[in-house]
Protein backbone atom coordinates (compact mmCIF):
# COMPACT_ATOMS: atom_id res chain seq x y z
CA MET A 1 0.00 0.00 0.00
CA ALA A 2 1.52 3.29 -1.11
CA LEU A 3 1.34 6.32 1.12
CA ARG A 4 0.36 9.59 -0.52
CA SER A 5 1.35 13.04 0.65
CA ASN A 6 -1.51 15.41 1.44
CA GLU A 7 0.62 18.56 1.62
CA ASN A 8 -0.27 19.70 -1.91
CA SER A 9 -3.77 18.26 -2.00
CA ALA A 10 -5.67 21.54 -1.58
CA GLY A 11 -3.48 23.31 -4.13
CA ALA A 12 -3.82 20.47 -6.61
CA TRP A 13 -7.61 20.44 -6.29
CA ALA A 14 -7.77 24.23 -6.62
CA PHE A 15 -5.60 24.01 -9.72
CA LEU A 16 -7.79 21.31 -11.28
CA ILE A 17 -11.00 23.20 -10.49
CA GLY A 18 -9.45 26.38 -11.87
CA VAL A 19 -8.45 24.77 -15.16
CA ILE A 20 -11.90 23.24 -15.61
CA LEU A 21 -13.55 26.56 -14.73
CA ALA A 22 -11.23 28.43 -17.12
CA VAL A 23 -12.09 26.13 -20.01
CA VAL A 24 -15.82 26.32 -19.26
CA ILE A 25 -15.81 30.13 -19.00
CA GLY A 26 -13.64 30.41 -22.09
CA LEU A 27 -15.97 28.26 -24.15
CA SER A 28 -19.17 29.77 -22.82
CA THR A 29 -18.30 33.45 -23.25
CA SER A 30 -17.63 33.12 -26.95
CA SER A 31 -20.18 33.43 -29.69
CA PHE A 32 -19.59 29.82 -30.72
CA LEU A 33 -21.12 28.29 -27.61
CA SER A 34 -22.83 31.02 -25.61
CA ILE A 35 -24.35 30.17 -22.26
CA GLU A 36 -26.29 33.23 -21.14
CA SER A 37 -26.00 32.78 -17.36
CA ILE A 38 -22.24 32.16 -17.45
CA THR A 39 -21.71 35.08 -19.82
CA LYS A 40 -23.68 37.33 -17.46
CA TYR A 41 -21.40 36.48 -14.50
CA SER A 42 -18.12 36.19 -16.42
CA SER A 43 -16.43 39.06 -14.55
CA GLN A 44 -17.17 37.35 -11.22
CA ILE A 45 -15.92 34.03 -12.59
CA TYR A 46 -12.70 35.70 -13.76
CA ALA A 47 -12.29 37.09 -10.23
CA ILE A 48 -12.73 33.56 -8.87
CA LEU A 49 -10.06 32.33 -11.31
CA ILE A 50 -7.64 35.00 -10.10
CA ILE A 51 -8.34 34.13 -6.45
CA LEU A 52 -7.83 30.42 -7.25
CA GLY A 53 -4.55 31.33 -8.94
CA PHE A 54 -3.36 33.10 -5.79
CA PHE A 55 -4.51 30.14 -3.67
CA VAL A 56 -2.67 27.69 -5.90
CA GLY A 57 0.49 29.80 -5.74
CA PHE A 58 0.39 30.02 -1.95
CA SER A 59 -0.67 26.44 -1.27
CA ILE A 60 1.62 24.53 -3.59
CA ASN A 61 4.77 23.66 -1.68
CA VAL A 62 7.45 23.71 -4.32
CA GLY A 63 11.08 23.62 -3.43
CA GLY A 64 14.33 23.20 -5.27
CA LYS A 65 14.01 21.40 -8.57
CA ASP A 66 10.20 21.31 -8.34
CA SER A 67 9.99 25.10 -8.19
CA GLN A 68 12.16 25.40 -11.29
CA SER A 69 9.92 22.97 -13.15
CA PHE A 70 6.76 24.77 -12.04
CA LEU A 71 8.14 28.17 -12.96
CA LEU A 72 9.34 26.99 -16.36
CA ALA A 73 6.01 25.34 -17.15
CA GLY A 74 4.08 28.33 -15.77
CA ALA A 75 6.11 30.82 -17.79
CA ILE A 76 5.66 28.78 -20.94
CA LEU A 77 1.92 28.54 -20.36
CA VAL A 78 1.60 32.28 -19.78
CA VAL A 79 3.67 33.25 -22.83
CA VAL A 80 2.05 30.74 -25.17
CA SER A 81 -1.45 31.61 -23.95
CA LYS A 82 -0.85 35.34 -24.45
CA PHE A 83 0.62 34.98 -27.92
CA GLY A 84 -1.93 32.33 -28.82
CA MET A 85 -4.75 34.58 -27.68
CA GLU A 86 -3.60 37.34 -30.01
CA SER A 87 -2.65 35.30 -33.07
CA VAL A 88 -5.45 32.75 -33.05
CA VAL A 89 -8.20 35.31 -33.62
CA GLY A 90 -6.81 36.27 -37.01
CA SER A 91 -5.97 32.78 -38.20
CA LEU A 92 -9.15 31.01 -37.08
CA ILE A 93 -11.62 33.79 -37.80
CA GLY A 94 -12.75 32.16 -41.03
CA ILE A 95 -13.72 28.99 -39.18
CA GLY A 96 -15.62 30.91 -36.51
CA ILE A 97 -13.80 29.60 -33.46
CA GLY A 98 -11.19 32.35 -33.08
CA SER A 99 -13.09 34.09 -30.30
CA THR A 100 -13.68 30.77 -28.52
CA VAL A 101 -9.99 29.89 -28.42
CA SER A 102 -9.02 33.45 -27.51
CA SER A 103 -11.45 33.63 -24.58
CA THR A 104 -10.30 30.21 -23.34
CA PHE A 105 -6.68 31.39 -23.38
CA ALA A 106 -7.69 34.58 -21.54
CA ALA A 107 -9.41 32.55 -18.82
CA LEU A 108 -6.36 30.29 -18.47
CA LEU A 109 -4.17 33.38 -18.14
CA ALA A 110 -6.35 34.62 -15.28
CA LEU A 111 -5.50 31.39 -13.43
CA PHE A 112 -1.85 30.88 -14.39
CA VAL A 113 -0.45 34.40 -14.02
CA PRO A 114 -1.14 34.81 -10.27
CA ALA A 115 0.00 31.27 -9.48
CA THR A 116 3.25 31.73 -11.40
CA ILE A 117 3.96 35.12 -9.83
CA ILE A 118 3.41 33.83 -6.28
CA VAL A 119 5.64 30.77 -6.83
CA ALA A 120 8.32 32.98 -8.41
CA LEU A 121 8.24 35.32 -5.41
CA LYS A 122 8.39 32.39 -3.00
CA THR A 123 11.38 31.00 -4.89
CA VAL A 124 13.22 34.34 -4.90
CA PHE A 125 12.66 34.78 -1.16
CA SER A 126 13.85 31.25 -0.46
CA LEU A 127 16.99 31.85 -2.52
CA ALA A 128 17.64 35.10 -0.66
CA LYS A 129 17.01 33.33 2.66
CA VAL A 130 14.94 36.25 3.95
C-alpha cells in the first residue's frame, strides 16, 4: 500500500478546479457556444479564477528542482497563452472559433499568471534566505 502526501492536495484540487472553470468560462463566453447565465457572470468568474490562482500559488509547496519545473512550465503557459490569444483570432476567424480559443486562453491566463507570480516570489525569497 503506497502512502500519498496530502501537503499539496488543496493546491492540486484548486488548480484542477481552476483549469476546468477556465475552459468552461472560455468556451461559454464566446459566440460559438454562448451560455447566457455564465456570460452574465463572467467578470465574477474571472475574479474567482484569479483568487484560485493566488490560492494555488500560496498552497503549492514547491522547493528546489520542483519550483524550477513549475516556474518553467508556468512561464511557458503564460507566454504561449498570451501569444496564442492574439494570433489565433486572425488565423481562425474564417472557421468561426477564433473568439472561442481566444477567450479560453484569456481565462487560463487569469489562473496561471497569479500562481506563477506567487511561486516565483516564494522561490526568490527562499533563494535570498529572507
